[in-house]
Amino acid sequence: MNRKILKIVNIYLILLIFMGVFVSFPLIDTNSLEIDAYALSSSAKGMCVIDKDSKRILYSKNEDEKLPMASTTKVVTLITVLQNCDDLDEYIQVDNASVGVEGTSIYLRKDETIKVRDLLYGLMLRSGNDAATALAYHVGGSIEGFADMMNELAKNVGANNSHFSNPHGLDDPEHYTTAYDLALITAYALNNPIFQEIVSTKNYVIEATNKSNKRYLTNKNKLLSTLDGCCGVKTGYTSKAGRCLVSACSRDERTTVCVVLNCGPMFEESTALLNSSFDDYKNVKIIDRNKDIYNEYIINENEGKLYLYTDEDYYYPLTNSEMNDLRLEYSVELDNASSGDNVGEIKIFLKNDLIKTLKLYTMNKIDKLIDSKTLQINEVLWEDRLDED
């Protein structure tokens, strides 16, 4: 665009802002991209793929249907323990309730002394139901008490269609989740560095205890070895739940979470979905906190320069064709504003959907503005700063 025309457009927008008018305009990209058809044809009974940071749903199928989830439950168990246990290197003594639990096991023995950390690796790599039980008693005092903690965490994250009755995922009518809820909880949990470390570990050794020789654990999630950028998370199976997989993949500083519930080819379909998520969507930096949103000269008794800014960057995954549907709305009110004052906001829309609201702040003190009819703007500098990149 011609620089002279761009300057005129910016001046017009700023005048509208100072007159208390919402300003809306699209960010335009002429490219287009079709979503991979295979990614939308999953055989899973429930499926959801989300961007970890924005929580945007990229692909989905029956994402809100309440379903059993088998040992993918342990995603919730792990983050619940991490948030409620201060010392992971504490030794605990295994009681009889944690011995001989149905299903997969790390073969805990009564009165065995073992670290909490070792139980967590046994929980996630070997999928030990006995490890899950021992952790639940240690952290929650009972299975019921720990399940209450799991449910509270889910509610706080926004997973409103889930209910947990145990820490291991064995079938129970009161134990269920949705593909979306489980993706949401996983996205939240991946912000915890210890969670990240455990779920991405391929092999782990539990040192000998007073009741057992060394235990050698291998992660059941084969995507850790076959999918570029895979960083976890958990497999699961019961005859009722079918094959379930929660997986995550990080590429180019972006992470995608994929959940498939009751899905026969769970590894193959999750691989296709995750690969497609990076092919079909690009992480667009919509707001840059290091750029002035607007700056210009204001003529009143004391000429001064105004700077507005946000205090965070904002990225959002978009297909190329969606760039035409993205728009920003600004609202600013200035009256005796001091440096650092919140004087307005930016709303970011995709089509008619509000996806984010960011606050606008001043970088310098602003005297009360004169009447907008006499407001003059001598210079607009945004386009110059864009050219600096």
Protein backbone atom coordinates (compact mmCIF):
# COMPACT_ATOMS: atom_id res chain seq x y z
CA MET A 1 0.00 0.00 0.00
CA ASN A 2 1.25 3.51 -0.81
CA ARG A 3 2.76 5.06 2.36
CA LYS A 4 0.83 8.30 1.91
CA ILE A 5 -2.48 6.43 1.69
CA LEU A 6 -1.54 4.29 4.70
CA LYS A 7 -0.81 7.42 6.74
CA ILE A 8 -4.20 8.91 5.86
CA VAL A 9 -5.96 5.67 6.86
CA ASN A 10 -4.14 5.57 10.21
CA ILE A 11 -5.00 9.20 10.95
CA TYR A 12 -8.66 8.48 10.22
CA LEU A 13 -8.67 5.48 12.56
CA ILE A 14 -7.05 7.42 15.38
CA LEU A 15 -9.52 10.28 15.07
CA LEU A 16 -12.36 7.80 15.42
CA ILE A 17 -10.74 6.30 18.51
CA PHE A 18 -10.44 9.65 20.26
CA MET A 19 -14.08 10.37 19.47
CA GLY A 20 -15.07 7.25 21.44
CA VAL A 21 -15.90 5.18 18.36
CA PHE A 22 -15.20 1.45 18.08
CA VAL A 23 -12.87 0.88 15.17
CA SER A 24 -12.98 -2.38 13.27
CA PHE A 25 -10.86 -3.54 10.38
CA PRO A 26 -9.74 -6.86 8.90
CA LEU A 27 -6.23 -8.23 8.68
CA ILE A 28 -6.01 -9.50 5.12
CA ASP A 29 -4.15 -12.41 3.56
CA THR A 30 -4.99 -13.50 0.03
CA ASN A 31 -3.94 -17.13 0.45
CA SER A 32 -6.37 -19.97 1.14
CA LEU A 33 -6.00 -23.46 2.56
CA GLU A 34 -8.33 -26.44 2.63
CA ILE A 35 -8.52 -28.50 5.82
CA ASP A 36 -7.18 -32.03 5.30
CA ALA A 37 -10.24 -34.21 4.68
CA TYR A 38 -8.68 -37.23 6.37
CA ALA A 39 -8.25 -35.28 9.59
CA LEU A 40 -12.02 -34.82 9.79
CA SER A 41 -12.92 -38.47 9.18
CA SER A 42 -11.66 -40.06 12.40
CA SER A 43 -13.13 -43.43 13.36
CA ALA A 44 -12.99 -42.45 17.04
CA LYS A 45 -16.26 -42.34 18.93
CA GLY A 46 -15.10 -39.03 20.39
CA MET A 47 -12.25 -36.88 19.08
CA CYS A 48 -10.89 -33.41 19.75
CA VAL A 49 -7.72 -31.61 18.69
CA ILE A 50 -6.96 -28.24 20.30
CA ASP A 51 -4.19 -25.67 20.29
CA LYS A 52 -2.64 -25.79 23.77
CA ASP A 53 -2.32 -22.07 24.38
CA SER A 54 -5.41 -20.58 22.75
CA LYS A 55 -7.56 -23.68 23.44
CA ARG A 56 -9.00 -23.32 19.94
CA ILE A 57 -10.66 -26.50 18.65
CA LEU A 58 -8.92 -27.42 15.39
CA TYR A 59 -10.79 -30.65 14.61
CA SER A 60 -13.53 -32.45 16.49
CA LYS A 61 -16.09 -35.22 16.38
CA ASN A 62 -18.62 -35.82 19.16
CA GLU A 63 -16.27 -33.76 21.34
CA ASP A 64 -18.92 -33.20 24.04
CA GLU A 65 -20.20 -36.78 24.28
CA LYS A 66 -19.65 -38.28 27.73
CA LEU A 67 -17.52 -41.41 27.36
CA PRO A 68 -15.36 -43.76 29.45
CA MET A 69 -11.66 -43.00 29.00
CA ALA A 70 -9.78 -45.88 30.64
CA SER A 71 -6.22 -45.06 31.74
CA THR A 72 -6.13 -41.67 30.05
CA THR A 73 -7.72 -40.81 33.41
CA LYS A 74 -4.15 -40.80 34.72
CA VAL A 75 -3.53 -37.47 33.00
CA VAL A 76 -5.87 -36.00 35.61
CA THR A 77 -4.36 -38.13 38.37
CA LEU A 78 -0.84 -36.92 37.61
CA ILE A 79 -1.60 -33.19 37.54
CA THR A 80 -3.76 -33.53 40.68
CA VAL A 81 -0.86 -35.13 42.56
CA LEU A 82 1.62 -32.55 41.27
CA GLN A 83 -0.56 -29.71 42.50
CA ASN A 84 -1.16 -31.22 45.92
CA CYS A 85 2.10 -32.91 46.88
CA ASP A 86 4.96 -30.73 48.07
CA ASP A 87 7.73 -33.36 48.14
CA LEU A 88 7.93 -35.79 45.24
CA ASP A 89 11.01 -37.42 46.76
CA GLU A 90 9.13 -38.33 49.94
CA TYR A 91 9.01 -42.05 50.69
CA ILE A 92 5.63 -43.58 51.40
CA GLN A 93 4.70 -47.01 52.70
CA VAL A 94 2.37 -49.06 50.53
CA ASP A 95 -0.70 -50.38 52.35
CA ASN A 96 -2.77 -53.41 51.44
CA ALA A 97 -5.39 -51.35 49.53
CA SER A 98 -2.78 -50.58 46.86
CA VAL A 99 -1.67 -54.18 46.33
CA GLY A 100 -3.19 -56.43 43.69
CA VAL A 101 -5.36 -53.75 42.05
CA GLU A 102 -7.11 -54.99 38.92
CA GLY A 103 -5.46 -54.29 35.55
CA THR A 104 -1.96 -53.11 34.68
CA SER A 105 0.43 -52.92 37.58
CA ILE A 106 3.96 -52.16 38.75
CA TYR A 107 3.47 -54.94 41.32
CA LEU A 108 3.63 -53.00 44.54
CA ARG A 109 3.96 -55.06 47.72
CA LYS A 110 2.48 -54.48 51.15
CA ASP A 111 4.74 -52.35 53.36
CA GLU A 112 7.01 -51.52 50.43
CA THR A 113 8.70 -48.12 50.83
CA ILE A 114 8.85 -46.14 47.59
CA LYS A 115 9.21 -42.55 46.42
CA VAL A 116 6.19 -40.56 45.25
CA ARG A 117 8.21 -39.63 42.14
CA ASP A 118 8.75 -43.29 41.28
CA LEU A 119 5.04 -43.96 41.65
CA LEU A 120 4.32 -41.13 39.21
CA TYR A 121 6.56 -42.69 36.57
CA GLY A 122 4.96 -46.07 37.25
CA LEU A 123 1.58 -44.38 36.86
CA MET A 124 2.29 -42.85 33.45
CA LEU A 125 4.82 -45.16 31.75
CA ARG A 126 3.60 -48.56 32.94
CA SER A 127 0.03 -47.32 33.62
CA GLY A 128 0.12 -48.93 37.04
CA ASN A 129 -3.32 -49.01 38.63
CA ASP A 130 -1.67 -49.93 41.93
CA ALA A 131 0.54 -46.82 41.65
CA ALA A 132 -2.57 -44.73 41.01
CA THR A 133 -4.24 -46.15 44.10
CA ALA A 134 -1.21 -45.60 46.33
CA LEU A 135 -0.94 -41.98 45.15
CA ALA A 136 -4.65 -41.38 45.73
CA TYR A 137 -4.44 -42.61 49.33
CA HIS A 138 -1.29 -40.60 49.98
CA VAL A 139 -2.60 -37.31 48.56
CA GLY A 140 -6.37 -37.58 49.10
CA GLY A 141 -6.62 -39.88 52.10
CA SER A 142 -8.99 -42.18 50.23
CA ILE A 143 -10.16 -42.96 46.70
CA GLU A 144 -13.25 -40.81 47.26
CA GLY A 145 -11.24 -37.93 48.70
CA PHE A 146 -8.80 -37.96 45.81
CA ALA A 147 -11.64 -38.19 43.26
CA ASP A 148 -13.11 -35.04 44.79
CA MET A 149 -9.79 -33.31 44.17
CA MET A 150 -9.78 -34.51 40.56
CA ASN A 151 -13.29 -33.19 40.04
CA GLU A 152 -12.41 -29.84 41.57
CA LEU A 153 -9.42 -29.49 39.25
CA ALA A 154 -11.56 -30.35 36.22
CA LYS A 155 -14.16 -27.76 37.22
CA ASN A 156 -11.50 -25.08 37.69
CA VAL A 157 -10.07 -25.79 34.24
CA GLY A 158 -13.50 -25.57 32.62
CA ALA A 159 -14.02 -29.28 31.98
CA ASN A 160 -17.69 -29.21 32.88
CA ASN A 161 -18.87 -32.50 31.36
CA SER A 162 -16.56 -34.82 33.28
CA HIS A 163 -16.83 -36.77 36.50
CA PHE A 164 -14.09 -38.88 38.09
CA SER A 165 -14.70 -41.60 40.65
CA ASN A 166 -11.23 -43.21 40.70
CA PRO A 167 -7.58 -42.41 39.89
CA HIS A 168 -6.88 -45.26 37.47
CA GLY A 169 -9.70 -45.34 34.92
CA LEU A 170 -11.27 -48.75 35.53
CA ASP A 171 -14.85 -48.77 34.28
CA ASP A 172 -17.47 -47.15 36.50
CA PRO A 173 -20.82 -45.58 35.50
CA GLU A 174 -19.84 -42.41 37.40
CA HIS A 175 -16.44 -42.16 35.74
CA TYR A 176 -16.49 -40.36 32.39
CA THR A 177 -15.19 -37.44 30.40
CA THR A 178 -15.44 -35.94 26.92
CA ALA A 179 -12.80 -35.61 24.24
CA TYR A 180 -12.92 -31.83 24.63
CA ASP A 181 -12.72 -31.89 28.44
CA LEU A 182 -9.75 -34.25 28.41
CA ALA A 183 -7.97 -32.12 25.82
CA LEU A 184 -8.63 -29.03 27.93
CA ILE A 185 -7.24 -30.65 31.09
CA THR A 186 -4.20 -31.92 29.21
CA ALA A 187 -3.49 -28.49 27.74
CA TYR A 188 -3.60 -27.09 31.26
CA ALA A 189 -1.40 -29.85 32.67
CA LEU A 190 1.26 -29.37 29.99
CA ASN A 191 2.04 -25.97 31.51
CA ASN A 192 3.55 -27.86 34.46
CA PRO A 193 7.23 -28.66 33.70
CA ILE A 194 7.28 -31.82 35.85
CA PHE A 195 4.17 -33.09 34.08
CA GLN A 196 5.91 -32.42 30.76
CA GLU A 197 9.02 -34.26 31.89
CA ILE A 198 7.19 -37.37 33.07
CA VAL A 199 4.82 -37.82 30.11
CA SER A 200 7.62 -37.37 27.56
CA THR A 201 9.97 -39.91 29.21
CA LYS A 202 10.48 -43.08 27.16
CA ASN A 203 12.27 -45.20 29.77
CA TYR A 204 12.69 -45.00 33.53
CA VAL A 205 14.24 -47.13 36.26
CA ILE A 206 12.74 -47.40 39.74
CA GLU A 207 15.61 -48.31 42.01
CA ALA A 208 15.39 -51.35 44.25
CA THR A 209 13.25 -50.97 47.36
CA ASN A 210 12.94 -52.91 50.60
CA LYS A 211 10.50 -55.28 48.84
CA SER A 212 11.51 -55.29 45.17
CA ASN A 213 14.41 -55.35 42.77
CA LYS A 214 14.83 -52.60 40.19
CA ARG A 215 11.81 -51.98 37.97
CA TYR A 216 12.48 -51.08 34.33
CA LEU A 217 9.65 -49.06 32.80
CA THR A 218 9.00 -48.39 29.11
CA ASN A 219 6.42 -45.85 27.97
CA LYS A 220 3.47 -47.43 26.17
CA ASN A 221 2.99 -44.35 23.98
CA LYS A 222 4.85 -45.35 20.82
CA LEU A 223 4.27 -41.91 19.25
CA LEU A 224 7.19 -40.71 21.37
CA SER A 225 9.43 -42.68 19.00
CA THR A 226 7.53 -42.35 15.74
CA LEU A 227 6.10 -38.81 15.59
CA ASP A 228 8.32 -35.77 15.16
CA GLY A 229 7.87 -33.43 18.13
CA CYS A 230 5.67 -35.77 20.19
CA CYS A 231 5.81 -34.80 23.88
CA GLY A 232 3.42 -37.34 25.47
CA VAL A 233 0.85 -38.04 26.88
CA LYS A 234 -1.09 -41.27 27.81
CA THR A 235 -2.63 -44.44 26.42
CA GLY A 236 -5.66 -46.29 27.78
CA TYR A 237 -7.80 -49.35 27.20
CA THR A 238 -10.70 -51.22 28.75
CA SER A 239 -13.24 -53.37 26.95
CA LYS A 240 -15.90 -50.71 27.58
CA ALA A 241 -13.82 -47.65 26.75
CA GLY A 242 -11.99 -49.18 23.80
CA ARG A 243 -8.58 -47.89 22.77
CA CYS A 244 -7.98 -44.34 23.96
CA LEU A 245 -5.06 -42.00 23.46
CA VAL A 246 -4.16 -38.53 24.61
CA SER A 247 -1.19 -37.20 22.65
CA ALA A 248 0.60 -33.90 22.24
CA CYS A 249 3.06 -32.58 19.71
CA SER A 250 5.26 -29.46 19.74
CA ARG A 251 6.70 -27.85 16.63
CA ASP A 252 7.93 -24.31 16.00
CA GLU A 253 7.10 -23.18 19.57
CA ARG A 254 3.49 -24.33 19.28
CA THR A 255 1.84 -27.35 20.93
CA THR A 256 -1.24 -29.25 19.79
CA VAL A 257 -3.19 -31.69 21.98
CA CYS A 258 -5.11 -34.60 20.45
CA VAL A 259 -7.65 -36.86 22.19
CA VAL A 260 -9.23 -39.93 20.58
CA LEU A 261 -11.65 -42.05 22.63
CA ASN A 262 -12.71 -45.53 21.55
CA CYS A 263 -10.52 -45.46 18.45
CA GLY A 264 -9.12 -48.71 17.02
CA PRO A 265 -6.20 -47.23 15.05
CA MET A 266 -5.49 -44.68 17.77
CA PHE A 267 -1.80 -44.20 16.99
CA GLU A 268 -2.32 -43.88 13.25
CA GLU A 269 -5.24 -41.49 13.47
CA SER A 270 -3.61 -39.36 16.14
CA THR A 271 -0.50 -39.09 13.98
CA ALA A 272 -2.59 -37.94 11.01
CA LEU A 273 -4.53 -35.44 13.10
CA LEU A 274 -1.45 -33.94 14.71
CA ASN A 275 0.45 -33.69 11.43
CA SER A 276 -2.55 -32.05 9.79
CA SER A 277 -2.90 -29.56 12.61
CA PHE A 278 0.52 -28.14 11.79
CA ASP A 279 -0.06 -28.26 8.03
CA ASP A 280 -3.51 -26.66 8.11
CA TYR A 281 -3.02 -24.05 10.84
CA LYS A 282 -0.29 -21.48 11.32
CA ASN A 283 0.30 -19.63 14.58
CA VAL A 284 -0.37 -15.99 13.71
CA LYS A 285 0.98 -13.22 15.92
CA ILE A 286 -1.98 -10.87 15.96
CA ILE A 287 -0.78 -8.54 18.72
CA ASP A 288 2.85 -7.66 19.44
CA ARG A 289 3.44 -6.14 22.86
CA ASN A 290 6.73 -4.63 21.65
CA LYS A 291 4.96 -2.44 19.09
CA ASP A 292 3.13 0.75 19.91
CA ILE A 293 -0.53 0.26 19.09
CA TYR A 294 -0.88 3.92 18.18
CA ASN A 295 1.30 6.96 18.72
CA GLU A 296 0.96 10.52 17.47
CA TYR A 297 1.16 14.19 18.42
CA ILE A 298 -1.75 15.81 20.21
CA ILE A 299 -2.20 19.57 20.02
CA ASN A 300 -3.45 21.23 23.20
CA GLU A 301 -1.88 23.60 25.69
CA ASN A 302 1.16 21.33 25.86
CA GLU A 303 2.03 19.40 22.74
CA GLY A 304 2.78 15.79 23.59
CA LYS A 305 3.13 12.38 22.06
CA LEU A 306 0.76 9.58 23.03
CA TYR A 307 1.79 5.92 23.19
CA LEU A 308 -0.68 3.06 23.69
CA TYR A 309 0.39 -0.53 24.21
CA THR A 310 -0.70 -3.97 25.40
CA ASP A 311 1.23 -5.92 28.01
CA GLU A 312 1.19 -9.27 26.19
CA ASP A 313 1.68 -10.86 22.81
CA TYR A 314 -1.25 -12.72 21.35
CA TYR A 315 -1.03 -15.66 18.96
CA TYR A 316 -3.87 -17.62 17.43
CA PRO A 317 -3.90 -20.62 15.05
CA LEU A 318 -5.50 -19.77 11.72
CA THR A 319 -5.80 -21.26 8.28
CA ASN A 320 -4.67 -18.92 5.52
CA SER A 321 -8.24 -18.44 4.32
CA GLU A 322 -9.36 -17.36 7.79
CA MET A 323 -7.08 -14.33 7.70
CA ASN A 324 -9.82 -12.57 5.75
CA ASP A 325 -12.23 -13.18 8.63
CA LEU A 326 -10.02 -11.68 11.33
CA ARG A 327 -10.71 -8.18 12.60
CA LEU A 328 -9.73 -5.93 15.49
CA GLU A 329 -11.93 -3.49 17.37
CA TYR A 330 -10.38 -0.68 19.41
CA SER A 331 -12.07 1.36 22.10
CA VAL A 332 -10.14 4.13 23.87
CA GLU A 333 -11.16 6.86 26.32
CA LEU A 334 -8.55 9.39 27.45
CA ASP A 335 -9.14 11.84 30.28
CA ASN A 336 -6.23 12.88 32.52
CA ALA A 337 -4.57 9.52 31.92
CA SER A 338 -1.27 8.81 33.64
CA SER A 339 1.47 6.48 32.54
CA GLY A 340 0.41 2.86 32.88
CA ASP A 341 -3.31 3.60 33.04
CA ASN A 342 -5.75 1.22 31.39
CA VAL A 343 -7.51 3.49 28.88
CA GLY A 344 -9.26 1.01 26.61
CA GLU A 345 -9.16 -2.39 25.00
CA ILE A 346 -8.64 -4.30 21.80
CA LYS A 347 -11.16 -6.97 20.89
CA ILE A 348 -10.09 -9.64 18.42
CA PHE A 349 -12.82 -11.32 16.36
CA LEU A 350 -12.77 -14.27 13.99
CA LYS A 351 -15.85 -13.72 11.86
CA ASN A 352 -18.45 -12.89 14.54
CA ASP A 353 -16.76 -14.80 17.34
CA LEU A 354 -14.85 -12.85 19.98
CA ILE A 355 -11.65 -14.79 20.61
CA LYS A 356 -9.71 -12.42 22.85
CA THR A 357 -9.89 -9.06 24.62
CA LEU A 358 -6.67 -7.26 25.55
CA LYS A 359 -6.29 -4.14 27.66
CA LEU A 360 -4.68 -0.98 26.30
CA TYR A 361 -2.38 1.12 28.49
CA THR A 362 -0.69 4.50 28.18
CA MET A 363 3.07 4.80 28.34
CA ASN A 364 3.02 8.49 29.30
CA LYS A 365 0.90 11.09 31.07
CA ILE A 366 -1.87 12.65 28.96
CA ASP A 367 -3.62 15.92 29.83
CA LYS A 368 -7.36 16.15 29.33
CA LEU A 369 -8.02 16.28 25.60
CA ILE A 370 -9.42 19.37 23.99
CA ASP A 371 -12.66 19.16 22.05
CA SER A 372 -12.39 16.53 19.31
CA LYS A 373 -13.43 19.08 16.67
CA THR A 374 -10.17 20.96 17.18
CA LEU A 375 -7.99 17.88 17.65
CA GLN A 376 -5.12 17.84 15.21
CA ILE A 377 -2.70 15.02 14.54
CA ASN A 378 0.58 16.06 13.02
CA GLU A 379 2.21 12.72 12.52
CA VAL A 380 1.41 9.01 12.58
CA LEU A 381 4.34 6.67 13.07
CA TRP A 382 2.91 3.15 13.10
CA GLU A 383 3.75 2.38 9.46
CA ASP A 384 7.34 3.51 10.05
CA ARG A 385 7.67 1.05 12.93
CA LEU A 386 6.22 -1.79 10.86
CA ASP A 387 8.85 -1.08 8.22
CA GLU A 388 11.59 -1.48 10.81
CA ASP A 389 11.01 -5.24 11.17
